[in-house]
Amino acid sequence: MTSTTHSPARHRSLGDHTWQAEAVCQSTEYNLVDPEIFFPAPDETDKITAAKALCGQCPVRRTCLDAALEGGDTDGIRGGLTEEERGPLHGKIAHRLDYSRVNDTVAGRDVHLTKAERRAVVHAAYRHGVTEQRLAWLLKITEEHAQKLYRELRRALRNRDLNQPATTTTPPETGDDHLSRDDFGTAA
């Protein structure tokens, strides 16, 4: 499972496309950009280089990449990566676990979440005493489903605690009460 805390300045909310106005690839009166450079053929290296150069300057590059991965967009250059470079990431997106996204969700933002991040939201919400009603609102699910998620989590935590072996350490048995360096193993 991939875990990261590196994040964009702000996460894209559900249905939010306002970030596109900040994208360098948006053609304006003063910055004419040919959108065709973002859809090159594999052998059009000049177009690929030009598109990646623009993406390298873009303040919303990470958001663009997230949007492409979350939306399953496999065409063109998005977030500074070609179709081929994004290919392996599409399979890994469901396992992404970015705690900044989890924290934003628990704080009340409508952030796109992966399955792993949704599970982490349930854990964080439970740990912070978030009510089932609030969890339902955060995840856009029914209160009954939120109750079920909390019930499953409580069961998993209880079973985890029951399966922990009780480890006790006994002091080394020596004739005298003085401990030597060898009594502590190789770390000492």
C-alpha atoms as a PDB file:
ATOM      1  CA  MET A   1       0.000   0.000   0.000  1.00  0.00           C
ATOM      2  CA  THR A   2       1.391   3.368  -0.976  1.00  0.00           C
ATOM      3  CA  SER A   3       1.303   5.969   1.755  1.00  0.00           C
ATOM      4  CA  THR A   4       2.240   9.590   1.364  1.00  0.00           C
ATOM      5  CA  THR A   5       1.812  12.911   3.061  1.00  0.00           C
ATOM      6  CA  HIS A   6       3.134  14.995   0.158  1.00  0.00           C
ATOM      7  CA  SER A   7       0.151  16.835  -1.190  1.00  0.00           C
ATOM      8  CA  PRO A   8      -0.937  19.707  -3.361  1.00  0.00           C
ATOM      9  CA  ALA A   9      -1.700  23.057  -1.758  1.00  0.00           C
ATOM     10  CA  ARG A  10      -5.361  22.079  -1.716  1.00  0.00           C
ATOM     11  CA  HIS A  11      -7.126  18.909  -2.649  1.00  0.00           C
ATOM     12  CA  ARG A  12      -9.694  18.901  -5.393  1.00  0.00           C
ATOM     13  CA  SER A  13     -13.183  18.729  -3.942  1.00  0.00           C
ATOM     14  CA  LEU A  14     -15.907  16.562  -5.424  1.00  0.00           C
ATOM     15  CA  GLY A  15     -17.089  18.156  -8.664  1.00  0.00           C
ATOM     16  CA  ASP A  16     -14.511  20.939  -8.430  1.00  0.00           C
ATOM     17  CA  HIS A  17     -13.033  21.989 -11.749  1.00  0.00           C
ATOM     18  CA  THR A  18     -11.985  25.499 -10.727  1.00  0.00           C
ATOM     19  CA  TRP A  19      -8.356  24.383 -10.574  1.00  0.00           C
ATOM     20  CA  GLN A  20      -8.360  24.243 -14.376  1.00  0.00           C
ATOM     21  CA  ALA A  21      -8.445  28.057 -14.534  1.00  0.00           C
ATOM     22  CA  GLU A  22      -4.980  28.072 -12.925  1.00  0.00           C
ATOM     23  CA  ALA A  23      -3.544  25.529 -15.386  1.00  0.00           C
ATOM     24  CA  VAL A  24      -0.736  26.707 -17.649  1.00  0.00           C
ATOM     25  CA  CYS A  25      -2.238  24.745 -20.543  1.00  0.00           C
ATOM     26  CA  GLN A  26      -5.308  27.010 -20.654  1.00  0.00           C
ATOM     27  CA  SER A  27      -5.014  29.193 -23.705  1.00  0.00           C
ATOM     28  CA  THR A  28      -5.498  32.906 -23.060  1.00  0.00           C
ATOM     29  CA  GLU A  29      -5.168  36.093 -25.057  1.00  0.00           C
ATOM     30  CA  TYR A  30      -1.587  36.471 -23.819  1.00  0.00           C
ATOM     31  CA  ASN A  31      -0.639  32.800 -23.651  1.00  0.00           C
ATOM     32  CA  LEU A  32      -1.755  30.940 -26.765  1.00  0.00           C
ATOM     33  CA  VAL A  33      -1.479  27.202 -26.197  1.00  0.00           C
ATOM     34  CA  ASP A  34      -2.299  24.633 -28.859  1.00  0.00           C
ATOM     35  CA  PRO A  35      -4.269  21.871 -27.078  1.00  0.00           C
ATOM     36  CA  GLU A  36      -3.094  19.379 -29.716  1.00  0.00           C
ATOM     37  CA  ILE A  37       0.375  19.235 -28.126  1.00  0.00           C
ATOM     38  CA  PHE A  38      -1.183  17.371 -25.186  1.00  0.00           C
ATOM     39  CA  PHE A  39      -2.408  14.578 -27.461  1.00  0.00           C
ATOM     40  CA  PRO A  40       0.697  13.596 -29.436  1.00  0.00           C
ATOM     41  CA  ALA A  41       1.339  10.347 -31.227  1.00  0.00           C
ATOM     42  CA  PRO A  42       3.995   8.219 -29.493  1.00  0.00           C
ATOM     43  CA  ASP A  43       6.659   9.243 -32.026  1.00  0.00           C
ATOM     44  CA  GLU A  44       5.975  13.010 -31.824  1.00  0.00           C
ATOM     45  CA  THR A  45       8.748  13.755 -29.374  1.00  0.00           C
ATOM     46  CA  ASP A  46       8.694  17.521 -30.033  1.00  0.00           C
ATOM     47  CA  LYS A  47       5.060  17.759 -28.931  1.00  0.00           C
ATOM     48  CA  ILE A  48       5.718  15.556 -25.903  1.00  0.00           C
ATOM     49  CA  THR A  49       8.686  17.721 -24.880  1.00  0.00           C
ATOM     50  CA  ALA A  50       6.681  20.949 -25.336  1.00  0.00           C
ATOM     51  CA  ALA A  51       3.717  19.622 -23.336  1.00  0.00           C
ATOM     52  CA  LYS A  52       5.927  18.373 -20.494  1.00  0.00           C
ATOM     53  CA  ALA A  53       7.728  21.738 -20.410  1.00  0.00           C
ATOM     54  CA  LEU A  54       4.396  23.491 -19.899  1.00  0.00           C
ATOM     55  CA  CYS A  55       3.347  20.981 -17.250  1.00  0.00           C
ATOM     56  CA  GLY A  56       6.639  21.548 -15.437  1.00  0.00           C
ATOM     57  CA  GLN A  57       5.634  25.200 -14.890  1.00  0.00           C
ATOM     58  CA  CYS A  58       2.055  24.457 -13.864  1.00  0.00           C
ATOM     59  CA  PRO A  59       0.920  25.260 -10.293  1.00  0.00           C
ATOM     60  CA  VAL A  60      -1.884  22.670 -10.465  1.00  0.00           C
ATOM     61  CA  ARG A  61       0.134  19.847 -11.998  1.00  0.00           C
ATOM     62  CA  ARG A  62      -0.486  17.451  -9.084  1.00  0.00           C
ATOM     63  CA  THR A  63      -4.207  18.226  -9.071  1.00  0.00           C
ATOM     64  CA  CYS A  64      -4.332  17.598 -12.826  1.00  0.00           C
ATOM     65  CA  LEU A  65      -2.609  14.243 -12.384  1.00  0.00           C
ATOM     66  CA  ASP A  66      -4.967  13.286  -9.548  1.00  0.00           C
ATOM     67  CA  ALA A  67      -7.978  14.244 -11.661  1.00  0.00           C
ATOM     68  CA  ALA A  68      -6.710  12.134 -14.563  1.00  0.00           C
ATOM     69  CA  LEU A  69      -6.065   9.112 -12.339  1.00  0.00           C
ATOM     70  CA  GLU A  70      -9.281   9.428 -10.340  1.00  0.00           C
ATOM     71  CA  GLY A  71     -11.329   9.895 -13.511  1.00  0.00           C
ATOM     72  CA  GLY A  72      -9.634   7.032 -15.349  1.00  0.00           C
ATOM     73  CA  ASP A  73      -8.424   9.418 -18.064  1.00  0.00           C
ATOM     74  CA  THR A  74      -5.934   7.460 -20.143  1.00  0.00           C
ATOM     75  CA  ASP A  75      -5.566   9.816 -23.120  1.00  0.00           C
ATOM     76  CA  GLY A  76      -2.998  12.538 -23.630  1.00  0.00           C
ATOM     77  CA  ILE A  77      -0.474  14.170 -21.364  1.00  0.00           C
ATOM     78  CA  ARG A  78      -1.919  15.038 -17.945  1.00  0.00           C
ATOM     79  CA  GLY A  79      -0.078  16.205 -14.875  1.00  0.00           C
ATOM     80  CA  GLY A  80       3.208  16.099 -16.776  1.00  0.00           C
ATOM     81  CA  LEU A  81       2.957  12.386 -17.575  1.00  0.00           C
ATOM     82  CA  THR A  82       2.265  10.653 -20.867  1.00  0.00           C
ATOM     83  CA  GLU A  83      -0.324   7.910 -21.290  1.00  0.00           C
ATOM     84  CA  GLU A  84       2.389   5.269 -20.925  1.00  0.00           C
ATOM     85  CA  GLU A  85       3.845   6.880 -17.790  1.00  0.00           C
ATOM     86  CA  ARG A  86       0.409   7.127 -16.145  1.00  0.00           C
ATOM     87  CA  GLY A  87      -0.505   3.534 -17.030  1.00  0.00           C
ATOM     88  CA  PRO A  88       1.048   1.865 -13.965  1.00  0.00           C
ATOM     89  CA  LEU A  89      -0.382   4.572 -11.696  1.00  0.00           C
ATOM     90  CA  HIS A  90      -3.949   3.811 -12.765  1.00  0.00           C
ATOM     91  CA  GLY A  91      -3.684   0.351 -11.219  1.00  0.00           C
ATOM     92  CA  LYS A  92      -2.229   1.727  -7.988  1.00  0.00           C
ATOM     93  CA  ILE A  93      -4.700   4.590  -7.461  1.00  0.00           C
ATOM     94  CA  ALA A  94      -7.149   2.425  -5.504  1.00  0.00           C
ATOM     95  CA  HIS A  95      -4.408   1.728  -2.946  1.00  0.00           C
ATOM     96  CA  ARG A  96      -3.272   5.334  -2.547  1.00  0.00           C
ATOM     97  CA  LEU A  97      -3.249   6.418   1.085  1.00  0.00           C
ATOM     98  CA  ASP A  98      -2.565  10.107   1.493  1.00  0.00           C
ATOM     99  CA  TYR A  99      -3.173  11.152   5.086  1.00  0.00           C
ATOM    100  CA  SER A 100      -3.547  14.804   4.131  1.00  0.00           C
ATOM    101  CA  ARG A 101      -6.612  13.782   2.102  1.00  0.00           C
ATOM    102  CA  VAL A 102      -7.912  11.780   5.070  1.00  0.00           C
ATOM    103  CA  ASN A 103      -7.405  14.742   7.411  1.00  0.00           C
ATOM    104  CA  ASP A 104      -9.121  17.107   4.978  1.00  0.00           C
ATOM    105  CA  THR A 105     -12.108  14.762   4.819  1.00  0.00           C
ATOM    106  CA  VAL A 106     -12.372  14.435   8.607  1.00  0.00           C
ATOM    107  CA  ALA A 107     -12.206  18.246   8.741  1.00  0.00           C
ATOM    108  CA  GLY A 108     -15.280  18.359   6.484  1.00  0.00           C
ATOM    109  CA  ARG A 109     -13.918  18.832   2.955  1.00  0.00           C
ATOM    110  CA  ASP A 110     -15.457  16.823   0.103  1.00  0.00           C
ATOM    111  CA  VAL A 111     -12.274  15.237  -1.213  1.00  0.00           C
ATOM    112  CA  HIS A 112     -11.996  12.427  -3.746  1.00  0.00           C
ATOM    113  CA  LEU A 113     -10.965   9.358  -1.738  1.00  0.00           C
ATOM    114  CA  THR A 114      -9.640   5.938  -2.626  1.00  0.00           C
ATOM    115  CA  LYS A 115     -10.868   2.823  -0.857  1.00  0.00           C
ATOM    116  CA  ALA A 116      -7.799   2.838   1.377  1.00  0.00           C
ATOM    117  CA  GLU A 117      -8.361   6.495   2.240  1.00  0.00           C
ATOM    118  CA  ARG A 118     -12.038   5.833   3.020  1.00  0.00           C
ATOM    119  CA  ARG A 119     -10.997   3.098   5.471  1.00  0.00           C
ATOM    120  CA  ALA A 120      -8.491   5.503   7.024  1.00  0.00           C
ATOM    121  CA  VAL A 121     -11.245   8.134   7.407  1.00  0.00           C
ATOM    122  CA  VAL A 122     -13.325   5.608   9.355  1.00  0.00           C
ATOM    123  CA  HIS A 123     -10.345   4.861  11.633  1.00  0.00           C
ATOM    124  CA  ALA A 124      -9.512   8.535  12.149  1.00  0.00           C
ATOM    125  CA  ALA A 125     -13.130   9.493  12.742  1.00  0.00           C
ATOM    126  CA  TYR A 126     -13.553   6.715  15.299  1.00  0.00           C
ATOM    127  CA  ARG A 127     -10.307   7.629  17.033  1.00  0.00           C
ATOM    128  CA  HIS A 128     -11.391  11.288  17.258  1.00  0.00           C
ATOM    129  CA  GLY A 129     -14.884  10.472  18.531  1.00  0.00           C
ATOM    130  CA  VAL A 130     -16.736  11.571  15.398  1.00  0.00           C
ATOM    131  CA  THR A 131     -20.397  10.578  15.611  1.00  0.00           C
ATOM    132  CA  GLU A 132     -21.926   8.072  13.242  1.00  0.00           C
ATOM    133  CA  GLN A 133     -24.124  10.822  11.810  1.00  0.00           C
ATOM    134  CA  ARG A 134     -21.087  12.976  11.042  1.00  0.00           C
ATOM    135  CA  LEU A 135     -19.206  10.006   9.532  1.00  0.00           C
ATOM    136  CA  ALA A 136     -22.222   9.337   7.305  1.00  0.00           C
ATOM    137  CA  TRP A 137     -22.151  12.950   6.153  1.00  0.00           C
ATOM    138  CA  LEU A 138     -18.366  12.910   5.581  1.00  0.00           C
ATOM    139  CA  LEU A 139     -18.441   9.760   3.457  1.00  0.00           C
ATOM    140  CA  LYS A 140     -21.801  10.479   1.783  1.00  0.00           C
ATOM    141  CA  ILE A 141     -23.311   7.235   3.077  1.00  0.00           C
ATOM    142  CA  THR A 142     -26.352   6.345   5.177  1.00  0.00           C
ATOM    143  CA  GLU A 143     -26.223   6.448   8.967  1.00  0.00           C
ATOM    144  CA  GLU A 144     -26.882   2.703   8.982  1.00  0.00           C
ATOM    145  CA  HIS A 145     -23.830   2.139   6.831  1.00  0.00           C
ATOM    146  CA  ALA A 146     -21.753   4.377   9.128  1.00  0.00           C
ATOM    147  CA  GLN A 147     -22.975   2.360  12.121  1.00  0.00           C
ATOM    148  CA  LYS A 148     -21.958  -0.829  10.337  1.00  0.00           C
ATOM    149  CA  LEU A 149     -18.487   0.581   9.563  1.00  0.00           C
ATOM    150  CA  TYR A 150     -17.957   1.560  13.206  1.00  0.00           C
ATOM    151  CA  ARG A 151     -19.228  -1.831  14.386  1.00  0.00           C
ATOM    152  CA  GLU A 152     -16.797  -3.626  12.035  1.00  0.00           C
ATOM    153  CA  LEU A 153     -13.954  -1.391  13.181  1.00  0.00           C
ATOM    154  CA  ARG A 154     -14.684  -2.000  16.875  1.00  0.00           C
ATOM    155  CA  ARG A 155     -14.755  -5.748  16.188  1.00  0.00           C
ATOM    156  CA  ALA A 156     -11.468  -5.613  14.273  1.00  0.00           C
ATOM    157  CA  LEU A 157      -9.781  -3.591  17.035  1.00  0.00           C
ATOM    158  CA  ARG A 158     -11.079  -5.955  19.723  1.00  0.00           C
ATOM    159  CA  ASN A 159      -9.900  -9.014  17.778  1.00  0.00           C
ATOM    160  CA  ARG A 160      -6.528  -7.413  17.142  1.00  0.00           C
ATOM    161  CA  ASP A 161      -6.102  -6.788  20.860  1.00  0.00           C
ATOM    162  CA  LEU A 162      -7.156 -10.355  21.684  1.00  0.00           C
ATOM    163  CA  ASN A 163      -4.656 -11.814  19.228  1.00  0.00           C
ATOM    164  CA  GLN A 164      -1.705  -9.853  20.628  1.00  0.00           C
ATOM    165  CA  PRO A 165       0.598 -12.283  22.438  1.00  0.00           C
ATOM    166  CA  ALA A 166       1.314 -11.295  26.001  1.00  0.00           C
ATOM    167  CA  THR A 167       5.061 -10.786  26.164  1.00  0.00           C
ATOM    168  CA  THR A 168       6.820 -10.413  29.424  1.00  0.00           C
ATOM    169  CA  THR A 169      10.514 -10.179  29.868  1.00  0.00           C
ATOM    170  CA  THR A 170      12.175 -11.843  32.763  1.00  0.00           C
ATOM    171  CA  PRO A 171      15.440 -10.578  34.106  1.00  0.00           C
ATOM    172  CA  PRO A 172      18.465 -12.747  33.397  1.00  0.00           C
ATOM    173  CA  GLU A 173      19.205 -15.237  36.109  1.00  0.00           C
ATOM    174  CA  THR A 174      22.644 -14.588  37.441  1.00  0.00           C
ATOM    175  CA  GLY A 175      24.221 -15.365  40.717  1.00  0.00           C
ATOM    176  CA  ASP A 176      24.772 -11.710  41.534  1.00  0.00           C
ATOM    177  CA  ASP A 177      22.565  -8.650  41.107  1.00  0.00           C
ATOM    178  CA  HIS A 178      25.095  -6.868  38.884  1.00  0.00           C
ATOM    179  CA  LEU A 179      24.165  -6.733  35.178  1.00  0.00           C
ATOM    180  CA  SER A 180      27.007  -6.867  32.700  1.00  0.00           C
ATOM    181  CA  ARG A 181      27.197  -5.653  29.104  1.00  0.00           C
ATOM    182  CA  ASP A 182      26.504  -9.173  27.824  1.00  0.00           C
ATOM    183  CA  ASP A 183      23.151  -9.207  29.596  1.00  0.00           C
ATOM    184  CA  PHE A 184      21.860  -6.553  27.162  1.00  0.00           C
ATOM    185  CA  GLY A 185      22.705  -8.324  23.922  1.00  0.00           C
ATOM    186  CA  THR A 186      24.488  -6.851  20.922  1.00  0.00           C
ATOM    187  CA  ALA A 187      22.700  -3.483  20.915  1.00  0.00           C
ATOM    188  CA  ALA A 188      24.486  -2.250  24.032  1.00  0.00           C
END
